[in-house]
Structure formats: structure tokens, C-alpha cells
Amino acid sequence: MAGRARGGAAPQQRCPSCGSPVINELVGQWAALNVIADLTPLTPEQQEQLREPNRLIWCLRTNSLGHKRLFWVESWHPPDCRTGAHVADHLCPPAAPTTLF
């Protein structure tokens, strides 16, 4: 599933909940999946730690114009890919507990 953004590059922004830098892109052949991914590159070891059934790893590639695109990391994709940084789906860190009383 190659990532394709409608109308050009995927917008880089901050998560409204936690403020982390993220990329938001519609990916898939028909742009069927809205992906919000962290912009922090992962090492191969971190990729294995973060991989779980409902969390995907993405290859974040930058073209010659500086536009970033997400590509799904499939099982054959090398963890030490030289074409782009690997990033994970964004999950906000747990919020600090608050007291209501």
C-alpha cells in the first residue's frame, strides 16, 4: 500500500492533544486510510518493541522537493531502510493523573 497524499505533500503539524510533531496523510490506492504518524525516526530495535497488531510502522520518505510521504512497511521491508526514516502510528502519551477534589 503505497502512500499518496491528495494534492501534494502530507501536512506536518502538531497533535492537538499532546503537542507532538506528527504527519497526517491519506494513504492507500484510493486514499482510504487517514494516518497520523510520529515524526521521530525509529531504530530497528524500537520498531520491534512498538510493533503490535493495531499499530503500523511507516517509511517516511522525502522527495527532491522536500515533500514527505508515508509508505507502509510490509514484512519484506528492511528495518534499516536507506530510502527513508521509519516512524510509527501516533499514540499520545498517558496524561498525568489529575485530582478533581
N, C-alpha and C. Protein backbone atom coordinates (compact mmCIF):
# COMPACT_ATOMS: atom_id res chain seq x y z
N MET A 1 0.86 -1.16 0.00
CA MET A 1 0.00 0.00 0.00
C MET A 1 0.90 1.22 0.00
N ALA A 2 1.08 1.82 -1.12
CA ALA A 2 1.94 2.99 -1.22
C ALA A 2 1.19 4.22 -0.76
N GLY A 3 1.88 5.09 -0.06
CA GLY A 3 1.23 6.30 0.44
C GLY A 3 1.13 7.35 -0.64
N ARG A 4 -0.04 7.92 -0.77
CA ARG A 4 -0.24 9.00 -1.71
C ARG A 4 -1.10 10.06 -1.06
N ALA A 5 -0.63 11.26 -1.04
CA ALA A 5 -1.41 12.35 -0.47
C ALA A 5 -2.17 13.05 -1.59
N ARG A 6 -3.36 13.45 -1.31
CA ARG A 6 -4.13 14.21 -2.29
C ARG A 6 -3.58 15.62 -2.36
N GLY A 7 -3.31 16.07 -3.57
CA GLY A 7 -2.91 17.45 -3.75
C GLY A 7 -1.52 17.78 -3.27
N GLY A 8 -0.60 16.82 -3.22
CA GLY A 8 0.77 17.14 -2.88
C GLY A 8 1.25 16.51 -1.60
N ALA A 9 2.07 17.24 -0.88
CA ALA A 9 2.74 16.71 0.29
C ALA A 9 1.80 16.58 1.48
N ALA A 10 2.11 15.65 2.34
CA ALA A 10 1.34 15.47 3.57
C ALA A 10 1.67 16.60 4.53
N PRO A 11 0.65 17.16 5.17
CA PRO A 11 0.91 18.28 6.08
C PRO A 11 1.58 17.83 7.38
N GLN A 12 2.59 18.58 7.79
CA GLN A 12 3.21 18.35 9.09
C GLN A 12 2.54 19.29 10.08
N GLN A 13 2.24 18.78 11.24
CA GLN A 13 1.54 19.59 12.23
C GLN A 13 1.87 19.07 13.62
N ARG A 14 1.16 19.56 14.61
CA ARG A 14 1.31 19.10 15.99
C ARG A 14 0.02 18.44 16.42
N CYS A 15 0.15 17.40 17.24
CA CYS A 15 -1.02 16.71 17.78
C CYS A 15 -1.78 17.69 18.67
N PRO A 16 -3.10 17.85 18.47
CA PRO A 16 -3.85 18.79 19.30
C PRO A 16 -3.92 18.38 20.76
N SER A 17 -3.75 17.09 21.06
CA SER A 17 -3.84 16.63 22.45
C SER A 17 -2.53 16.75 23.22
N CYS A 18 -1.43 16.30 22.60
CA CYS A 18 -0.16 16.27 23.35
C CYS A 18 0.91 17.21 22.80
N GLY A 19 0.71 17.77 21.61
CA GLY A 19 1.66 18.72 21.04
C GLY A 19 2.84 18.10 20.32
N SER A 20 2.88 16.77 20.19
CA SER A 20 3.99 16.12 19.50
C SER A 20 3.94 16.43 18.01
N PRO A 21 5.12 16.55 17.35
CA PRO A 21 5.11 16.76 15.90
C PRO A 21 4.65 15.48 15.20
N VAL A 22 3.69 15.62 14.29
CA VAL A 22 3.13 14.48 13.57
C VAL A 22 2.97 14.82 12.10
N ILE A 23 2.75 13.81 11.29
CA ILE A 23 2.41 13.97 9.89
C ILE A 23 1.05 13.32 9.70
N ASN A 24 0.16 13.98 8.97
CA ASN A 24 -1.19 13.49 8.73
C ASN A 24 -1.35 13.32 7.22
N GLU A 25 -1.65 12.08 6.79
CA GLU A 25 -1.72 11.80 5.36
C GLU A 25 -2.80 10.77 5.07
N LEU A 26 -3.47 10.94 3.94
CA LEU A 26 -4.39 9.92 3.44
C LEU A 26 -3.56 8.98 2.57
N VAL A 27 -3.52 7.70 2.93
CA VAL A 27 -2.70 6.74 2.20
C VAL A 27 -3.58 5.64 1.62
N GLY A 28 -3.01 4.90 0.71
CA GLY A 28 -3.71 3.82 0.05
C GLY A 28 -3.96 4.16 -1.39
N GLN A 29 -4.33 3.16 -2.16
CA GLN A 29 -4.54 3.36 -3.58
C GLN A 29 -5.62 4.40 -3.84
N TRP A 30 -6.66 4.39 -3.02
CA TRP A 30 -7.74 5.36 -3.16
C TRP A 30 -7.79 6.30 -1.97
N ALA A 31 -6.66 6.48 -1.30
CA ALA A 31 -6.56 7.35 -0.12
C ALA A 31 -7.64 7.00 0.88
N ALA A 32 -7.69 5.71 1.24
CA ALA A 32 -8.75 5.19 2.08
C ALA A 32 -8.42 5.19 3.56
N LEU A 33 -7.17 5.44 3.92
CA LEU A 33 -6.77 5.35 5.32
C LEU A 33 -6.14 6.67 5.76
N ASN A 34 -6.71 7.29 6.79
CA ASN A 34 -6.15 8.52 7.33
C ASN A 34 -5.12 8.12 8.39
N VAL A 35 -3.87 8.46 8.15
CA VAL A 35 -2.77 8.07 9.04
C VAL A 35 -2.22 9.30 9.73
N ILE A 36 -2.06 9.21 11.04
CA ILE A 36 -1.35 10.21 11.81
C ILE A 36 -0.14 9.49 12.41
N ALA A 37 1.05 9.91 12.01
CA ALA A 37 2.27 9.23 12.44
C ALA A 37 3.22 10.22 13.10
N ASP A 38 4.01 9.69 14.04
CA ASP A 38 5.04 10.49 14.69
C ASP A 38 6.13 10.84 13.68
N LEU A 39 6.84 11.92 13.91
CA LEU A 39 7.96 12.29 13.04
C LEU A 39 9.30 11.86 13.61
N THR A 40 9.30 11.21 14.76
CA THR A 40 10.53 10.75 15.38
C THR A 40 10.99 9.44 14.73
N PRO A 41 12.17 9.41 14.10
CA PRO A 41 12.66 8.18 13.47
C PRO A 41 12.91 7.09 14.51
N LEU A 42 12.68 5.84 14.11
CA LEU A 42 12.86 4.69 15.00
C LEU A 42 14.04 3.85 14.55
N THR A 43 14.75 3.28 15.51
CA THR A 43 15.79 2.30 15.22
C THR A 43 15.11 0.96 14.96
N PRO A 44 15.81 -0.01 14.36
CA PRO A 44 15.19 -1.33 14.17
C PRO A 44 14.72 -1.96 15.48
N GLU A 45 15.45 -1.75 16.57
CA GLU A 45 15.05 -2.30 17.87
C GLU A 45 13.75 -1.65 18.37
N GLN A 46 13.64 -0.33 18.21
CA GLN A 46 12.42 0.37 18.62
C GLN A 46 11.22 -0.07 17.79
N GLN A 47 11.46 -0.35 16.50
CA GLN A 47 10.37 -0.82 15.65
C GLN A 47 9.80 -2.13 16.16
N GLU A 48 10.68 -3.05 16.56
CA GLU A 48 10.22 -4.34 17.09
C GLU A 48 9.47 -4.16 18.40
N GLN A 49 9.91 -3.24 19.26
CA GLN A 49 9.24 -3.00 20.53
C GLN A 49 7.86 -2.39 20.34
N LEU A 50 7.72 -1.50 19.36
CA LEU A 50 6.45 -0.80 19.15
C LEU A 50 5.45 -1.58 18.31
N ARG A 51 5.93 -2.58 17.57
CA ARG A 51 5.05 -3.31 16.66
C ARG A 51 4.04 -4.13 17.46
N GLU A 52 2.77 -3.91 17.16
CA GLU A 52 1.68 -4.65 17.78
C GLU A 52 0.58 -4.77 16.74
N PRO A 53 -0.46 -5.60 16.98
CA PRO A 53 -1.45 -5.86 15.93
C PRO A 53 -2.12 -4.62 15.33
N ASN A 54 -2.40 -3.61 16.12
CA ASN A 54 -3.12 -2.45 15.60
C ASN A 54 -2.26 -1.20 15.48
N ARG A 55 -0.94 -1.38 15.44
CA ARG A 55 -0.04 -0.24 15.28
C ARG A 55 0.92 -0.54 14.13
N LEU A 56 0.94 0.34 13.16
CA LEU A 56 1.76 0.11 11.98
C LEU A 56 3.02 0.96 12.01
N ILE A 57 4.03 0.48 11.29
CA ILE A 57 5.28 1.21 11.10
C ILE A 57 5.27 1.71 9.66
N TRP A 58 5.69 2.95 9.46
CA TRP A 58 5.68 3.59 8.15
C TRP A 58 7.08 4.02 7.75
N CYS A 59 7.34 4.00 6.46
CA CYS A 59 8.59 4.52 5.90
C CYS A 59 8.29 5.94 5.46
N LEU A 60 8.94 6.91 6.06
CA LEU A 60 8.73 8.33 5.77
C LEU A 60 9.81 8.79 4.80
N ARG A 61 9.43 8.96 3.55
CA ARG A 61 10.38 9.33 2.51
C ARG A 61 10.20 10.80 2.14
N THR A 62 11.31 11.44 1.83
CA THR A 62 11.30 12.84 1.41
C THR A 62 11.80 12.90 -0.03
N ASN A 63 11.02 13.53 -0.92
CA ASN A 63 11.44 13.60 -2.32
C ASN A 63 12.38 14.79 -2.54
N SER A 64 12.78 14.99 -3.78
CA SER A 64 13.76 16.05 -4.08
C SER A 64 13.22 17.45 -3.82
N LEU A 65 11.88 17.60 -3.74
CA LEU A 65 11.28 18.90 -3.45
C LEU A 65 11.05 19.12 -1.96
N GLY A 66 11.40 18.13 -1.15
CA GLY A 66 11.23 18.25 0.29
C GLY A 66 9.88 17.79 0.81
N HIS A 67 9.02 17.23 -0.07
CA HIS A 67 7.72 16.73 0.35
C HIS A 67 7.87 15.36 1.00
N LYS A 68 7.23 15.19 2.14
CA LYS A 68 7.30 13.92 2.87
C LYS A 68 6.09 13.07 2.51
N ARG A 69 6.32 11.75 2.35
CA ARG A 69 5.26 10.80 2.04
C ARG A 69 5.43 9.56 2.91
N LEU A 70 4.31 8.99 3.32
CA LEU A 70 4.32 7.76 4.10
C LEU A 70 4.11 6.56 3.19
N PHE A 71 4.90 5.51 3.42
CA PHE A 71 4.74 4.23 2.73
C PHE A 71 4.67 3.15 3.78
N TRP A 72 3.72 2.25 3.62
CA TRP A 72 3.52 1.19 4.59
C TRP A 72 4.71 0.25 4.60
N VAL A 73 5.24 -0.08 5.77
CA VAL A 73 6.34 -1.03 5.91
C VAL A 73 5.73 -2.42 5.97
N GLU A 74 5.92 -3.18 4.89
CA GLU A 74 5.42 -4.55 4.84
C GLU A 74 6.47 -5.50 5.39
N SER A 75 6.15 -6.78 5.48
CA SER A 75 7.05 -7.76 6.09
C SER A 75 8.40 -7.85 5.35
N TRP A 76 8.45 -7.58 4.06
CA TRP A 76 9.69 -7.69 3.31
C TRP A 76 10.55 -6.43 3.40
N HIS A 77 10.02 -5.37 3.93
CA HIS A 77 10.72 -4.09 4.00
C HIS A 77 11.87 -4.18 5.01
N PRO A 78 13.08 -3.82 4.63
CA PRO A 78 14.21 -3.94 5.56
C PRO A 78 14.11 -2.94 6.72
N PRO A 79 14.38 -3.37 7.96
CA PRO A 79 14.28 -2.45 9.09
C PRO A 79 15.31 -1.33 9.05
N ASP A 80 16.42 -1.53 8.32
CA ASP A 80 17.44 -0.49 8.21
C ASP A 80 17.37 0.16 6.82
N CYS A 81 16.16 0.44 6.37
CA CYS A 81 15.88 1.02 5.06
C CYS A 81 16.69 2.30 4.85
N ARG A 82 17.26 2.46 3.68
CA ARG A 82 18.05 3.64 3.38
C ARG A 82 17.25 4.70 2.61
N THR A 83 16.00 4.39 2.23
CA THR A 83 15.22 5.34 1.45
C THR A 83 14.44 6.31 2.33
N GLY A 84 14.26 6.00 3.59
CA GLY A 84 13.52 6.91 4.46
C GLY A 84 13.59 6.48 5.92
N ALA A 85 13.18 7.38 6.78
CA ALA A 85 13.14 7.08 8.22
C ALA A 85 11.88 6.27 8.51
N HIS A 86 11.96 5.36 9.45
CA HIS A 86 10.79 4.59 9.85
C HIS A 86 10.15 5.27 11.06
N VAL A 87 8.83 5.44 10.98
CA VAL A 87 8.06 6.09 12.05
C VAL A 87 6.84 5.22 12.36
N ALA A 88 6.24 5.44 13.52
CA ALA A 88 5.09 4.64 13.95
C ALA A 88 3.82 5.50 13.98
N ASP A 89 2.67 4.81 13.95
CA ASP A 89 1.40 5.49 14.17
C ASP A 89 1.50 6.27 15.47
N HIS A 90 0.88 7.43 15.51
CA HIS A 90 0.97 8.27 16.70
C HIS A 90 0.03 7.78 17.80
N LEU A 91 0.55 7.66 19.00
CA LEU A 91 -0.23 7.41 20.21
C LEU A 91 0.18 8.47 21.22
N CYS A 92 -0.80 9.19 21.73
CA CYS A 92 -0.49 10.21 22.74
C CYS A 92 0.02 9.52 24.00
N PRO A 93 1.03 10.11 24.65
CA PRO A 93 1.50 9.55 25.93
C PRO A 93 0.39 9.65 26.97
N PRO A 94 0.42 8.75 27.95
CA PRO A 94 -0.63 8.84 29.01
C PRO A 94 -0.56 10.19 29.72
N ALA A 95 -1.72 10.72 29.97
CA ALA A 95 -1.81 12.00 30.65
C ALA A 95 -1.50 11.83 32.14
N ALA A 96 -0.95 12.87 32.71
CA ALA A 96 -0.69 12.85 34.16
C ALA A 96 -2.02 12.82 34.90
N PRO A 97 -2.11 12.05 35.97
CA PRO A 97 -3.37 11.99 36.71
C PRO A 97 -3.69 13.36 37.31
N THR A 98 -4.96 13.66 37.30
CA THR A 98 -5.42 14.91 37.90
C THR A 98 -6.40 14.60 39.02
N THR A 99 -6.45 15.48 39.96
CA THR A 99 -7.36 15.31 41.09
C THR A 99 -8.54 16.27 40.93
N LEU A 100 -9.73 15.76 41.07
CA LEU A 100 -10.91 16.58 40.94
C LEU A 100 -11.32 17.23 42.25
N PHE A 101 -10.81 16.77 43.36
CA PHE A 101 -11.24 17.29 44.68
C PHE A 101 -10.16 18.09 45.33
